[in-house]
N, C-alpha and C. Protein backbone atom coordinates (compact mmCIF):
# COMPACT_ATOMS: atom_id res chain seq x y z
N MET A 1 104.92 91.84 76.09
CA MET A 1 103.57 92.89 75.49
C MET A 1 102.89 93.83 76.71
N ARG A 2 103.44 93.11 77.80
CA ARG A 2 103.05 94.23 78.94
C ARG A 2 103.85 95.80 79.00
N PHE A 3 105.28 95.26 78.71
CA PHE A 3 106.15 96.94 78.47
C PHE A 3 105.03 97.72 77.26
N ILE A 4 104.75 96.97 76.44
CA ILE A 4 104.41 97.54 75.00
C ILE A 4 103.31 98.18 75.60
N GLN A 5 102.36 97.71 76.00
CA GLN A 5 101.09 98.45 76.12
C GLN A 5 101.71 99.43 77.07
N SER A 6 102.75 99.58 78.06
CA SER A 6 102.78 100.15 79.04
C SER A 6 103.34 101.73 78.48
N ARG A 7 104.10 101.45 77.42
CA ARG A 7 104.52 102.20 76.54
C ARG A 7 103.42 103.03 75.64
N TYR A 8 102.82 102.77 74.87
CA TYR A 8 101.57 102.42 74.73
C TYR A 8 100.53 104.03 75.55
N ILE A 9 100.32 102.90 76.78
CA ILE A 9 99.11 103.96 77.91
C ILE A 9 100.63 105.41 77.95
N SER A 10 101.34 105.37 78.70
CA SER A 10 102.10 106.41 78.66
C SER A 10 102.41 107.51 76.88
N THR A 11 102.37 106.55 76.03
CA THR A 11 102.37 107.86 74.80
C THR A 11 101.18 108.52 74.59
N ILE A 12 99.71 107.46 75.18
CA ILE A 12 98.69 108.70 75.12
C ILE A 12 98.50 109.83 75.96
N ALA A 13 99.19 109.35 77.08
CA ALA A 13 99.08 110.05 78.25
C ALA A 13 99.69 111.19 78.03
N LEU A 14 100.96 111.23 77.04
CA LEU A 14 101.95 111.97 76.56
C LEU A 14 100.98 113.44 76.05
N ALA A 15 100.43 112.61 74.80
CA ALA A 15 99.37 113.29 74.13
C ALA A 15 98.88 114.11 74.81
N LEU A 16 97.77 113.23 75.35
CA LEU A 16 96.60 114.04 75.92
C LEU A 16 97.10 115.06 77.02
N PHE A 17 98.31 114.91 77.78
CA PHE A 17 99.24 116.68 78.42
C PHE A 17 99.05 117.73 77.45
N ALA A 18 99.93 117.28 76.44
CA ALA A 18 100.16 118.30 75.44
C ALA A 18 99.48 118.77 74.67
N MET A 19 98.29 117.98 74.43
CA MET A 19 97.27 118.95 73.34
C MET A 19 96.89 120.13 75.16
N ILE A 20 96.28 119.23 76.12
CA ILE A 20 96.22 120.45 77.16
C ILE A 20 96.52 121.58 77.34
N ALA A 21 98.22 121.06 77.41
CA ALA A 21 99.10 122.29 77.11
C ALA A 21 98.95 123.12 76.24
N PHE A 22 98.79 123.07 75.05
CA PHE A 22 98.88 123.84 74.02
C PHE A 22 98.05 124.58 74.25
N TRP A 23 96.59 123.95 74.59
CA TRP A 23 95.41 125.09 74.50
C TRP A 23 95.36 125.88 75.79
N ALA A 24 96.03 125.38 76.82
CA ALA A 24 96.41 126.56 77.76
C ALA A 24 96.38 127.64 77.58
N CYS A 25 98.55 126.88 76.68
CA CYS A 25 99.01 128.25 76.18
C CYS A 25 98.11 129.36 75.26
N SER A 26 97.35 129.13 74.23
CA SER A 26 96.73 129.48 73.90
C SER A 26 95.44 130.55 74.82
N ALA A 27 95.36 130.27 76.02
CA ALA A 27 94.35 130.83 76.20
C ALA A 27 94.60 131.54 77.36
N ALA A 28 96.43 131.18 78.02
CA ALA A 28 96.87 132.29 78.02
C ALA A 28 97.02 133.32 77.92
N LYS A 29 97.59 133.39 75.89
CA LYS A 29 97.68 134.93 75.53
C LYS A 29 96.35 135.55 75.03
N LYS A 30 95.74 134.70 75.12
CA LYS A 30 94.08 135.53 75.71
C LYS A 30 93.78 136.40 76.55
N ASN A 31 94.08 135.77 77.94
CA ASN A 31 93.49 135.91 79.16
C ASN A 31 95.40 136.34 79.68
N SER A 32 95.86 137.28 79.66
CA SER A 32 97.16 137.87 80.11
C SER A 32 97.00 137.38 81.93
N SER A 33 96.09 137.92 82.31
CA SER A 33 96.12 137.82 83.49
C SER A 33 96.15 136.56 84.68
N MET A 34 96.53 135.12 83.63
CA MET A 34 95.57 133.78 84.63
C MET A 34 97.77 133.55 83.75
N SER A 35 97.80 132.54 84.39
CA SER A 35 99.50 132.12 83.94
C SER A 35 99.43 131.00 83.20
N VAL A 36 100.30 130.19 82.52
CA VAL A 36 100.02 129.23 81.89
C VAL A 36 100.06 127.96 82.74
N ARG A 37 100.14 127.88 83.97
CA ARG A 37 100.51 127.43 84.89
C ARG A 37 99.10 127.30 85.39
N GLN A 38 98.54 128.51 85.69
CA GLN A 38 96.90 128.52 86.42
C GLN A 38 95.79 127.77 85.05
N SER A 39 96.05 128.28 83.73
CA SER A 39 95.45 127.51 82.51
C SER A 39 95.49 126.20 82.78
N ILE A 40 95.97 125.73 82.85
CA ILE A 40 96.77 124.65 82.93
C ILE A 40 95.38 123.23 83.84
N LEU A 41 95.83 124.17 84.80
CA LEU A 41 95.41 123.75 86.11
C LEU A 41 93.83 124.00 85.80
N ARG A 42 93.39 125.12 86.18
CA ARG A 42 92.02 125.36 85.75
C ARG A 42 91.41 124.56 84.72
N SER A 43 92.04 123.79 83.68
CA SER A 43 91.32 122.68 81.97
C SER A 43 91.58 121.14 82.89
N VAL A 44 92.36 121.00 83.86
CA VAL A 44 92.25 119.86 83.96
C VAL A 44 91.59 119.55 85.51
N TYR A 45 90.83 120.72 85.89
CA TYR A 45 90.16 120.47 87.52
C TYR A 45 89.12 119.25 87.30
N PRO A 46 88.16 119.84 86.61
CA PRO A 46 87.38 118.26 86.69
C PRO A 46 87.80 117.26 86.44
N ALA A 47 88.53 116.73 85.49
CA ALA A 47 89.52 115.41 86.06
C ALA A 47 90.12 114.77 87.59
N LEU A 48 90.57 116.31 87.96
CA LEU A 48 91.46 116.11 89.30
C LEU A 48 89.91 115.87 90.51
N THR A 49 89.32 116.46 90.09
CA THR A 49 87.93 116.32 91.33
C THR A 49 87.07 115.09 90.73
N GLY A 50 87.11 114.70 89.45
CA GLY A 50 86.44 113.41 89.58
C GLY A 50 86.95 111.92 90.00
N MET A 51 88.69 112.41 89.77
CA MET A 51 90.00 111.08 89.97
C MET A 51 89.41 111.28 91.85
N THR A 52 89.94 112.32 92.46
CA THR A 52 89.79 112.42 94.10
C THR A 52 88.65 111.37 94.82
N ARG A 53 87.27 111.90 94.10
CA ARG A 53 86.59 111.25 94.35
C ARG A 53 86.21 110.00 94.88
N LEU A 54 86.82 109.79 93.36
CA LEU A 54 86.71 108.14 92.61
C LEU A 54 87.82 107.00 94.10
N LEU A 55 88.63 107.93 94.19
CA LEU A 55 90.01 107.34 94.95
C LEU A 55 89.16 107.90 96.36
N GLY A 56 88.61 108.44 96.99
CA GLY A 56 88.18 109.30 97.61
C GLY A 56 89.29 109.76 99.02
N VAL A 57 90.00 110.57 97.82
CA VAL A 57 91.08 111.74 98.59
C VAL A 57 90.22 113.16 98.63
N ASN A 58 90.75 113.79 99.98
CA ASN A 58 90.74 114.96 99.97
C ASN A 58 88.72 115.07 99.86
N SER A 59 88.08 114.37 100.22
CA SER A 59 86.86 114.01 100.26
C SER A 59 86.10 113.69 101.44
N LYS A 60 86.49 113.90 102.55
CA LYS A 60 86.27 114.07 104.28
C LYS A 60 85.00 114.62 104.22
N ILE A 61 84.06 114.54 105.07
CA ILE A 61 82.95 115.44 105.10
C ILE A 61 82.75 115.39 106.75
N LEU A 62 82.89 116.02 107.78
CA LEU A 62 82.34 116.00 109.16
C LEU A 62 81.28 117.14 109.64
N VAL A 63 79.88 115.90 110.06
CA VAL A 63 78.94 116.88 110.13
C VAL A 63 78.84 116.73 112.14
N ALA A 64 78.46 118.19 112.58
CA ALA A 64 78.20 118.26 114.15
C ALA A 64 77.12 117.69 113.95
N GLY A 65 77.11 117.12 115.47
CA GLY A 65 76.26 116.06 116.23
C GLY A 65 75.18 117.17 116.91
N ASP A 66 74.03 116.91 116.93
CA ASP A 66 72.68 117.89 117.50
C ASP A 66 73.33 118.38 119.21
N GLY A 67 73.01 119.23 119.36
CA GLY A 67 73.07 119.46 120.39
C GLY A 67 74.44 120.60 120.80
N VAL A 68 75.57 120.51 119.56
CA VAL A 68 76.60 120.88 119.61
C VAL A 68 77.13 122.09 120.18
N ASP A 69 77.51 123.25 121.21
CA ASP A 69 77.68 124.38 121.25
C ASP A 69 78.89 124.76 121.09
N PRO A 70 79.47 125.95 120.68
CA PRO A 70 80.41 126.54 120.67
C PRO A 70 81.29 126.84 122.12
N LYS A 71 81.74 126.98 122.34
CA LYS A 71 82.75 126.85 124.09
C LYS A 71 83.11 128.76 124.14
N LYS A 72 83.41 129.02 122.37
CA LYS A 72 83.59 130.51 122.34
C LYS A 72 82.96 130.69 121.26
N SER A 73 82.56 132.64 121.22
CA SER A 73 81.71 132.56 120.26
C SER A 73 82.86 133.39 119.16
N VAL A 74 82.74 132.68 117.45
CA VAL A 74 83.42 132.86 116.91
C VAL A 74 83.24 134.30 116.35
N TYR A 75 82.07 134.96 116.48
CA TYR A 75 81.98 136.36 115.94
C TYR A 75 83.11 136.96 116.71
N GLU A 76 83.34 136.52 117.64
CA GLU A 76 84.51 137.83 118.43
C GLU A 76 86.16 137.73 117.80
N ILE A 77 86.01 137.27 116.85
CA ILE A 77 87.65 137.03 116.06
C ILE A 77 87.78 137.83 115.10
N PRO A 78 88.23 139.20 115.46
CA PRO A 78 88.71 140.22 114.11
C PRO A 78 89.39 139.46 112.91
N PHE A 79 89.29 139.98 112.49
CA PHE A 79 90.22 139.84 111.07
C PHE A 79 90.11 141.14 110.19
N GLU A 80 90.90 141.07 109.16
CA GLU A 80 91.11 142.17 108.08
C GLU A 80 90.75 141.43 106.94
N LEU A 81 89.80 142.62 105.86
CA LEU A 81 89.30 141.97 104.58
C LEU A 81 90.64 142.15 103.85
N ILE A 82 90.49 141.88 102.52
CA ILE A 82 92.16 141.89 101.77
C ILE A 82 92.20 143.02 101.18
N ASP A 83 91.18 144.43 101.64
CA ASP A 83 91.91 145.94 101.45
C ASP A 83 92.29 146.58 102.47
N GLY A 84 91.84 145.69 103.92
CA GLY A 84 93.09 146.19 105.15
C GLY A 84 92.22 146.80 106.29
N GLN A 85 90.19 146.19 105.80
CA GLN A 85 89.79 146.86 106.11
C GLN A 85 89.28 146.40 107.23
N PRO A 86 88.94 146.16 108.74
CA PRO A 86 89.15 145.50 109.62
C PRO A 86 87.14 144.86 109.52
N ALA A 87 86.94 143.67 110.06
CA ALA A 87 85.98 142.96 109.62
C ALA A 87 86.08 141.62 111.37
N SER A 88 84.30 141.07 111.10
CA SER A 88 84.69 140.26 111.71
C SER A 88 82.98 139.04 111.97
N LEU A 89 82.88 137.76 111.80
CA LEU A 89 81.71 137.25 111.36
C LEU A 89 80.69 138.28 111.82
N SER A 90 80.41 138.39 112.89
CA SER A 90 79.45 139.00 113.38
C SER A 90 78.86 140.01 112.17
N SER A 91 79.20 140.13 111.68
CA SER A 91 78.82 141.36 110.43
C SER A 91 77.25 140.36 109.61
N TYR A 92 78.17 138.84 109.69
CA TYR A 92 77.37 138.13 108.76
C TYR A 92 75.73 137.28 109.63
N LYS A 93 75.76 137.73 111.00
CA LYS A 93 75.14 137.00 112.01
C LYS A 93 73.59 136.87 111.10
N GLY A 94 72.78 135.57 111.42
CA GLY A 94 71.83 135.45 110.74
C GLY A 94 71.67 134.50 109.41
N LYS A 95 73.42 134.94 109.06
CA LYS A 95 73.25 133.83 107.55
C LYS A 95 74.27 132.89 107.73
N LYS A 96 74.33 131.18 106.90
CA LYS A 96 75.02 130.64 106.84
C LYS A 96 76.27 131.23 106.35
N ILE A 97 77.59 131.09 107.30
CA ILE A 97 78.84 131.62 107.10
C ILE A 97 79.79 130.30 106.19
N ILE A 98 80.09 129.97 104.82
CA ILE A 98 81.41 129.19 104.52
C ILE A 98 82.28 130.15 104.96
N VAL A 99 83.30 129.82 105.43
CA VAL A 99 85.02 130.10 105.72
C VAL A 99 86.36 129.22 104.96
N VAL A 100 86.40 129.80 103.36
CA VAL A 100 87.04 128.52 102.66
C VAL A 100 88.17 129.57 102.52
N ASN A 101 89.59 128.91 102.70
CA ASN A 101 91.45 128.59 102.84
C ASN A 101 91.65 129.08 100.93
N THR A 102 91.53 129.63 100.53
CA THR A 102 91.90 129.45 98.73
C THR A 102 93.44 129.46 98.66
N ALA A 103 93.69 129.83 97.22
CA ALA A 103 95.18 129.63 96.84
C ALA A 103 95.23 129.89 95.03
N SER A 104 95.96 131.03 94.24
CA SER A 104 96.05 131.04 93.09
C SER A 104 96.24 129.78 91.90
N ASP A 105 97.09 128.76 92.63
CA ASP A 105 97.96 128.11 92.09
C ASP A 105 98.09 126.61 92.00
N CYS A 106 96.68 126.03 92.63
CA CYS A 106 96.19 125.06 92.92
C CYS A 106 95.17 124.37 91.85
N GLY A 107 95.37 123.15 92.07
CA GLY A 107 94.39 122.18 91.39
C GLY A 107 93.02 122.22 91.35
N TYR A 108 92.81 122.78 92.96
CA TYR A 108 91.04 123.30 92.86
C TYR A 108 91.36 125.13 93.07
N THR A 109 92.07 125.86 92.03
CA THR A 109 91.24 127.01 92.00
C THR A 109 90.47 127.41 91.55
N ALA A 110 90.23 126.48 90.31
CA ALA A 110 88.77 126.56 89.49
C ALA A 110 87.79 126.52 90.22
N GLN A 111 87.87 126.03 91.69
CA GLN A 111 86.77 126.03 92.42
C GLN A 111 86.13 127.32 92.86
N TYR A 112 86.88 128.48 92.36
CA TYR A 112 86.45 129.90 92.34
C TYR A 112 85.14 130.02 91.84
N GLU A 113 85.20 129.52 90.74
CA GLU A 113 84.08 129.57 89.85
C GLU A 113 82.68 128.86 90.56
N ALA A 114 82.71 127.75 91.19
CA ALA A 114 81.30 127.77 91.88
C ALA A 114 81.08 128.43 93.51
N LEU A 115 81.75 128.65 94.14
CA LEU A 115 82.20 129.40 95.15
C LEU A 115 81.26 130.39 94.98
N GLN A 116 81.71 131.35 93.24
CA GLN A 116 81.13 132.42 93.16
C GLN A 116 79.39 132.13 92.90
N SER A 117 79.42 131.16 91.92
CA SER A 117 77.88 130.67 91.34
C SER A 117 77.06 130.44 92.97
N LEU A 118 77.61 129.60 93.63
CA LEU A 118 76.77 129.55 94.91
C LEU A 118 76.40 131.23 95.91
N TYR A 119 77.32 132.19 96.01
CA TYR A 119 77.19 132.95 96.39
C TYR A 119 76.02 133.72 95.88
N ALA A 120 76.21 134.28 94.33
CA ALA A 120 75.43 134.58 93.77
C ALA A 120 73.97 134.55 93.97
N GLN A 121 73.62 132.86 93.90
CA GLN A 121 72.13 132.35 94.26
C GLN A 121 71.77 132.17 95.51
N ARG A 122 72.96 132.31 96.51
CA ARG A 122 72.49 132.70 97.81
C ARG A 122 72.35 133.48 98.97
N LYS A 123 73.47 134.33 98.19
CA LYS A 123 73.77 135.98 99.03
C LYS A 123 72.34 136.62 100.21
N GLN A 124 71.29 136.08 100.00
CA GLN A 124 70.83 136.25 101.05
C GLN A 124 70.42 136.10 101.81
N ASP A 125 70.58 134.68 101.54
CA ASP A 125 70.47 133.69 103.38
C ASP A 125 72.47 132.86 103.49
N LEU A 126 73.30 133.42 102.30
CA LEU A 126 74.33 132.93 103.18
C LEU A 126 75.42 133.93 102.81
N VAL A 127 76.97 133.98 102.98
CA VAL A 127 78.28 134.33 102.84
C VAL A 127 79.23 133.50 102.91
N ILE A 128 79.88 133.83 101.94
CA ILE A 128 81.31 132.86 101.68
C ILE A 128 82.48 133.96 101.77
N VAL A 129 83.86 133.61 102.75
CA VAL A 129 84.95 134.51 103.20
C VAL A 129 85.94 133.16 103.09
N GLY A 130 87.06 134.26 101.80
CA GLY A 130 87.84 133.19 101.52
C GLY A 130 89.11 134.23 102.07
N PHE A 131 90.01 133.06 102.51
CA PHE A 131 90.96 133.05 103.64
C PHE A 131 92.46 132.92 102.57
N PRO A 132 92.61 133.43 101.58
CA PRO A 132 94.45 132.82 101.05
C PRO A 132 95.25 133.13 101.88
N ALA A 133 95.90 131.85 101.18
CA ALA A 133 96.82 131.12 102.51
C ALA A 133 98.29 130.83 101.22
N ASN A 134 99.20 130.42 101.87
CA ASN A 134 100.84 129.83 101.18
C ASN A 134 100.80 128.95 102.18
N ASP A 135 100.30 127.89 102.68
CA ASP A 135 100.69 126.64 103.45
C ASP A 135 100.95 125.89 102.44
N PHE A 136 100.06 125.16 101.27
CA PHE A 136 100.61 124.13 101.02
C PHE A 136 100.74 124.25 99.51
N LYS A 137 102.50 123.64 99.51
CA LYS A 137 103.17 123.75 98.73
C LYS A 137 103.12 125.26 97.97
N LYS A 138 103.50 126.05 99.15
CA LYS A 138 103.98 127.37 98.29
C LYS A 138 102.92 127.91 97.27
N GLN A 139 101.53 127.74 97.02
CA GLN A 139 100.63 127.54 95.85
C GLN A 139 100.13 129.34 96.20
N GLU A 140 100.34 129.87 96.80
CA GLU A 140 99.22 131.39 96.73
C GLU A 140 100.69 132.55 97.34
N LYS A 141 101.55 132.57 96.55
CA LYS A 141 102.90 133.62 96.30
C LYS A 141 102.40 135.12 96.20
N GLY A 142 101.16 135.41 95.69
CA GLY A 142 101.09 136.91 95.29
C GLY A 142 100.83 137.64 96.69
N THR A 143 100.82 139.02 96.24
CA THR A 143 100.35 140.02 97.37
C THR A 143 98.73 140.13 96.87
N ASN A 144 98.44 140.99 98.64
CA ASN A 144 96.88 140.76 98.54
C ASN A 144 96.02 141.71 97.46
N GLU A 145 97.06 142.68 97.11
CA GLU A 145 96.78 143.24 95.06
C GLU A 145 96.39 141.84 94.54
N GLU A 146 97.39 141.66 94.20
CA GLU A 146 97.52 140.57 92.81
C GLU A 146 96.17 139.55 93.19
N ILE A 147 96.42 139.02 94.44
CA ILE A 147 94.90 137.72 95.03
C ILE A 147 94.08 138.67 94.65
N ALA A 148 93.41 139.36 94.80
CA ALA A 148 92.26 140.01 94.55
C ALA A 148 92.05 140.31 92.65
N SER A 149 93.13 141.33 92.83
CA SER A 149 92.86 141.15 91.18
C SER A 149 92.63 139.95 90.70
N PHE A 150 93.45 139.01 90.52
CA PHE A 150 93.45 137.37 90.30
C PHE A 150 92.11 136.75 90.03
N CYS A 151 91.18 136.96 91.25
CA CYS A 151 89.83 135.99 91.95
C CYS A 151 89.10 137.37 91.10
N LYS A 152 88.84 138.53 90.68
CA LYS A 152 87.96 139.72 90.04
C LYS A 152 88.27 139.27 88.49
N LYS A 153 89.55 138.81 88.41
CA LYS A 153 89.30 139.18 86.74
C LYS A 153 89.02 137.85 85.95
N ASN A 154 89.41 136.56 86.56
CA ASN A 154 89.56 135.14 86.09
C ASN A 154 88.03 134.27 86.35
N TYR A 155 88.05 135.03 87.83
CA TYR A 155 86.54 134.20 88.33
C TYR A 155 85.31 135.43 88.96
N GLY A 156 85.67 136.44 88.48
CA GLY A 156 84.56 137.40 88.78
C GLY A 156 83.93 137.38 90.03
N VAL A 157 85.34 136.93 91.21
CA VAL A 157 84.73 137.00 92.73
C VAL A 157 83.93 137.98 93.47
N GLU A 158 83.21 138.28 94.01
CA GLU A 158 82.27 139.00 94.76
C GLU A 158 82.27 138.88 96.06
N PHE A 159 82.06 137.51 96.38
CA PHE A 159 82.20 137.33 98.10
C PHE A 159 83.74 138.20 98.59
N PRO A 160 83.40 138.13 100.16
CA PRO A 160 84.41 139.11 101.07
C PRO A 160 85.65 137.94 100.34
N MET A 161 86.83 138.55 100.28
CA MET A 161 88.30 137.64 100.69
C MET A 161 88.96 138.60 101.56
N ALA A 162 89.60 137.68 102.53
CA ALA A 162 90.12 138.47 103.83
C ALA A 162 91.63 138.34 103.27
N MET A 163 92.83 139.06 104.33
CA MET A 163 94.26 139.15 104.11
C MET A 163 95.08 137.94 104.05
N LYS A 164 95.71 137.86 103.03
CA LYS A 164 96.88 136.48 103.24
C LYS A 164 97.11 136.10 104.60
N THR A 165 97.01 135.14 105.12
CA THR A 165 97.21 134.11 106.15
C THR A 165 97.91 132.94 106.59
N THR A 166 98.13 132.82 107.43
CA THR A 166 98.38 131.17 107.80
C THR A 166 97.05 130.49 108.51
N VAL A 167 96.70 129.70 107.79
CA VAL A 167 95.72 128.43 108.16
C VAL A 167 96.27 127.05 108.96
N ILE A 168 97.29 126.59 108.69
CA ILE A 168 97.36 125.54 109.51
C ILE A 168 97.99 126.23 110.81
N LYS A 169 98.20 124.92 111.55
CA LYS A 169 98.51 124.74 112.98
C LYS A 169 99.93 124.78 112.97
N SER A 170 100.17 126.25 113.79
CA SER A 170 101.62 126.75 114.03
C SER A 170 101.57 127.88 114.95
N LYS A 171 102.49 128.45 115.26
CA LYS A 171 103.05 129.13 115.88
C LYS A 171 101.86 130.72 115.59
N ASP A 172 101.82 130.60 114.05
CA ASP A 172 101.30 131.62 112.88
C ASP A 172 99.95 131.67 112.81
N GLN A 173 99.16 130.73 113.13
CA GLN A 173 97.98 130.15 112.05
C GLN A 173 96.59 131.34 112.84
N HIS A 174 96.10 131.50 111.96
CA HIS A 174 94.97 132.81 112.14
C HIS A 174 94.16 132.33 113.06
N PRO A 175 93.64 133.07 114.22
CA PRO A 175 92.88 133.18 115.41
C PRO A 175 91.61 132.30 115.22
N LEU A 176 90.90 132.72 113.85
CA LEU A 176 89.51 132.07 113.19
C LEU A 176 90.23 130.71 112.80
N PHE A 177 91.47 130.40 112.04
CA PHE A 177 91.34 128.46 111.96
C PHE A 177 92.34 128.17 113.45
N SER A 178 92.79 128.81 114.04
CA SER A 178 93.04 128.10 115.78
C SER A 178 91.61 127.61 116.08
N TRP A 179 89.98 128.57 115.67
CA TRP A 179 88.70 128.39 116.84
C TRP A 179 88.30 126.99 115.38
N LEU A 180 88.26 127.46 114.13
CA LEU A 180 87.67 126.10 113.50
C LEU A 180 87.99 125.10 114.01
N SER A 181 89.67 124.43 114.11
CA SER A 181 89.86 123.21 114.17
C SER A 181 90.56 123.05 115.70
N ASP A 182 90.07 123.55 116.14
CA ASP A 182 90.04 123.46 118.30
C ASP A 182 88.42 122.43 119.05
N PRO A 183 88.60 122.05 119.18
CA PRO A 183 87.29 121.40 119.98
C PRO A 183 86.81 122.42 121.17
N GLY A 184 87.84 122.81 121.94
CA GLY A 184 88.01 123.41 123.05
C GLY A 184 87.02 124.39 123.23
N SER A 185 87.22 125.25 121.36
CA SER A 185 86.56 126.63 121.11
C SER A 185 85.20 126.51 120.31
N ASN A 186 85.15 125.84 119.50
CA ASN A 186 84.31 125.33 118.41
C ASN A 186 83.16 124.30 118.63
N GLY A 187 83.90 123.23 119.85
CA GLY A 187 82.85 122.87 120.56
C GLY A 187 83.43 121.02 119.82
N TRP A 188 83.34 120.87 118.72
CA TRP A 188 83.72 119.14 118.35
C TRP A 188 84.70 118.69 117.22
N ASN A 189 84.80 119.73 116.86
CA ASN A 189 85.82 119.77 115.22
C ASN A 189 86.98 119.73 115.58
N SER A 190 88.56 118.86 115.19
CA SER A 190 89.64 119.05 115.42
C SER A 190 90.49 118.97 113.69
N ALA A 191 89.65 119.22 112.88
CA ALA A 191 90.42 118.87 111.51
C ALA A 191 91.00 120.60 111.37
N PRO A 192 92.29 120.47 110.49
CA PRO A 192 92.73 121.65 110.37
C PRO A 192 92.55 122.02 108.79
N PRO A 193 92.55 122.85 108.10
CA PRO A 193 92.29 122.41 106.40
C PRO A 193 92.99 121.17 106.29
N SER A 194 93.04 120.37 104.98
CA SER A 194 93.80 119.18 104.50
C SER A 194 94.57 120.02 103.54
N TRP A 195 94.25 121.19 102.63
CA TRP A 195 94.48 121.75 101.46
C TRP A 195 94.01 122.04 101.23
N ASN A 196 94.45 123.32 100.27
CA ASN A 196 93.65 124.61 99.86
C ASN A 196 92.45 124.04 99.36
N PHE A 197 91.44 125.06 99.99
CA PHE A 197 89.90 125.11 99.68
C PHE A 197 89.01 123.65 100.26
N SER A 198 89.62 123.84 101.66
CA SER A 198 88.68 123.13 102.62
C SER A 198 87.85 124.29 102.97
N LYS A 199 86.42 123.40 103.26
CA LYS A 199 85.36 124.48 103.54
C LYS A 199 84.96 124.25 105.05
N TYR A 200 84.83 125.20 105.95
CA TYR A 200 84.03 125.37 107.22
C TYR A 200 82.62 125.64 106.97
N VAL A 201 81.43 125.36 107.32
CA VAL A 201 80.43 125.72 107.59
C VAL A 201 79.78 126.07 109.06
N LEU A 202 79.44 127.50 109.15
CA LEU A 202 78.86 127.43 110.69
C LEU A 202 77.04 128.31 110.03
N ASP A 203 76.46 127.76 111.55
CA ASP A 203 75.29 128.04 110.73
C ASP A 203 74.78 129.44 111.58
N GLU A 204 73.29 129.87 111.18
CA GLU A 204 72.89 131.24 111.10
C GLU A 204 73.38 132.55 112.35
N GLU A 205 73.79 130.81 113.51
CA GLU A 205 74.05 131.18 114.96
C GLU A 205 75.25 131.29 115.66
N GLY A 206 76.33 131.08 114.54
CA GLY A 206 77.31 131.07 114.61
C GLY A 206 78.40 129.92 114.90
N LYS A 207 77.39 129.03 114.76
CA LYS A 207 77.70 127.52 115.39
C LYS A 207 78.66 126.61 114.21
N LEU A 208 79.83 126.08 114.47
CA LEU A 208 80.05 124.99 113.78
C LEU A 208 79.56 123.82 113.58
N ILE A 209 78.82 123.45 111.30
CA ILE A 209 78.19 122.24 111.91
C ILE A 209 78.40 121.72 111.01
N ALA A 210 79.94 122.09 109.65
CA ALA A 210 80.56 120.78 109.35
C ALA A 210 82.16 121.04 108.39
N TYR A 211 82.70 120.28 108.28
CA TYR A 211 83.97 120.43 107.39
C TYR A 211 84.17 119.69 106.64
N CYS A 212 83.94 120.38 105.50
CA CYS A 212 84.37 119.93 104.40
C CYS A 212 85.40 119.61 103.41
N ASP A 213 86.42 118.04 102.97
CA ASP A 213 87.90 118.46 102.19
C ASP A 213 88.10 119.19 100.79
N PRO A 214 88.49 119.66 100.34
CA PRO A 214 88.42 120.39 99.18
C PRO A 214 87.95 119.48 97.78
N SER A 215 87.76 118.51 98.28
CA SER A 215 87.29 117.62 97.11
C SER A 215 85.34 117.97 97.16
N VAL A 216 85.34 118.05 98.12
CA VAL A 216 83.69 117.88 97.70
C VAL A 216 83.63 119.73 97.43
N GLU A 217 83.16 119.91 96.16
CA GLU A 217 81.94 120.49 95.47
C GLU A 217 81.38 121.69 95.93
N PRO A 218 81.61 122.78 96.34
CA PRO A 218 80.54 123.91 96.14
C PRO A 218 78.75 123.81 95.76
N LEU A 219 78.53 122.90 94.70
CA LEU A 219 77.38 122.93 94.39
C LEU A 219 76.91 121.36 94.71
N SER A 220 77.50 120.36 94.91
CA SER A 220 77.69 118.99 94.64
C SER A 220 76.25 118.86 96.11
N ALA A 221 75.75 118.26 95.64
CA ALA A 221 74.16 117.55 96.43
C ALA A 221 74.90 117.43 98.09
N ALA A 222 75.78 116.82 98.35
CA ALA A 222 76.32 116.70 99.44
C ALA A 222 76.47 117.80 100.15
N PHE A 223 77.30 119.00 99.57
CA PHE A 223 77.50 120.13 99.84
C PHE A 223 76.37 121.12 100.47
N LEU A 224 75.21 121.01 99.19
CA LEU A 224 73.97 122.16 99.34
C LEU A 224 72.94 121.46 100.47
N LYS A 225 73.19 119.83 101.04
CA LYS A 225 72.69 119.65 101.86
C LYS A 225 73.07 120.00 103.45
N ILE A 226 73.86 120.39 103.31
CA ILE A 226 74.53 121.06 104.58
C ILE A 226 74.47 122.08 104.74
N ILE A 227 74.28 122.92 103.32
CA ILE A 227 73.99 124.27 103.59
C ILE A 227 72.32 124.75 103.86
N ASP A 228 71.71 123.65 103.71
CA ASP A 228 70.62 123.75 103.58
C ASP A 228 69.47 123.47 104.62
N ARG A 229 70.70 122.72 105.75
CA ARG A 229 69.81 122.49 106.87
C ARG A 229 69.29 123.51 107.92
N PRO A 230 67.86 123.42 108.32
CA PRO A 230 67.13 123.78 109.26
C PRO A 230 68.00 125.05 109.92
N LYS A 231 67.46 125.94 110.11
CA LYS A 231 67.84 127.29 111.13
C LYS A 231 67.71 126.43 112.74
N PRO A 232 68.38 126.71 113.49
CA PRO A 232 68.13 126.03 114.62
C PRO A 232 67.18 126.21 115.30
């Protein structure tokens, strides 16, 4: 009996997957800028995030304590925008800053939509900076030009995107992500990105105030509570 039930559940799961795949293939034909895999991932994103939150996976939130100041200024760290132009976070001083590592072929890629929505709603007092990286299961294989095109065509991304880089701890780790995950620099946090779409929140003075795992959605009540934290 248990075997029959297991086969029944498996059959239903396969049927649902086939339906999603069929829908995604149709969507991909209509939108040639998105692959079948990317269409499938986009369609299953709500179920993915719901399941990970239910299981407590990739849902960690770390918040700085009161009076924790950085040991080094984040504003001094240079980076390059995706078009090759030099930049630094000092350009956004006076605003909350969300730094997020991104990828185009991830189960969380659809989060671009919520990030763009948040940016459009709050860009007077908040900026988002995306850092594409191929560090997790090689889910960002595209060139900078391909990444920029993908983000714009499929998700209407208008917030700043940096050049593709390395965000995990290694000799090639970008200095900004080294700062974000080094208590000796930021004052308290040692958590590196756990996966694509990990988020770091800086306040108006460049202090790191929170780290959020990928399943913490940009428009969730928990995340909005962090970015609505009053100015120091």
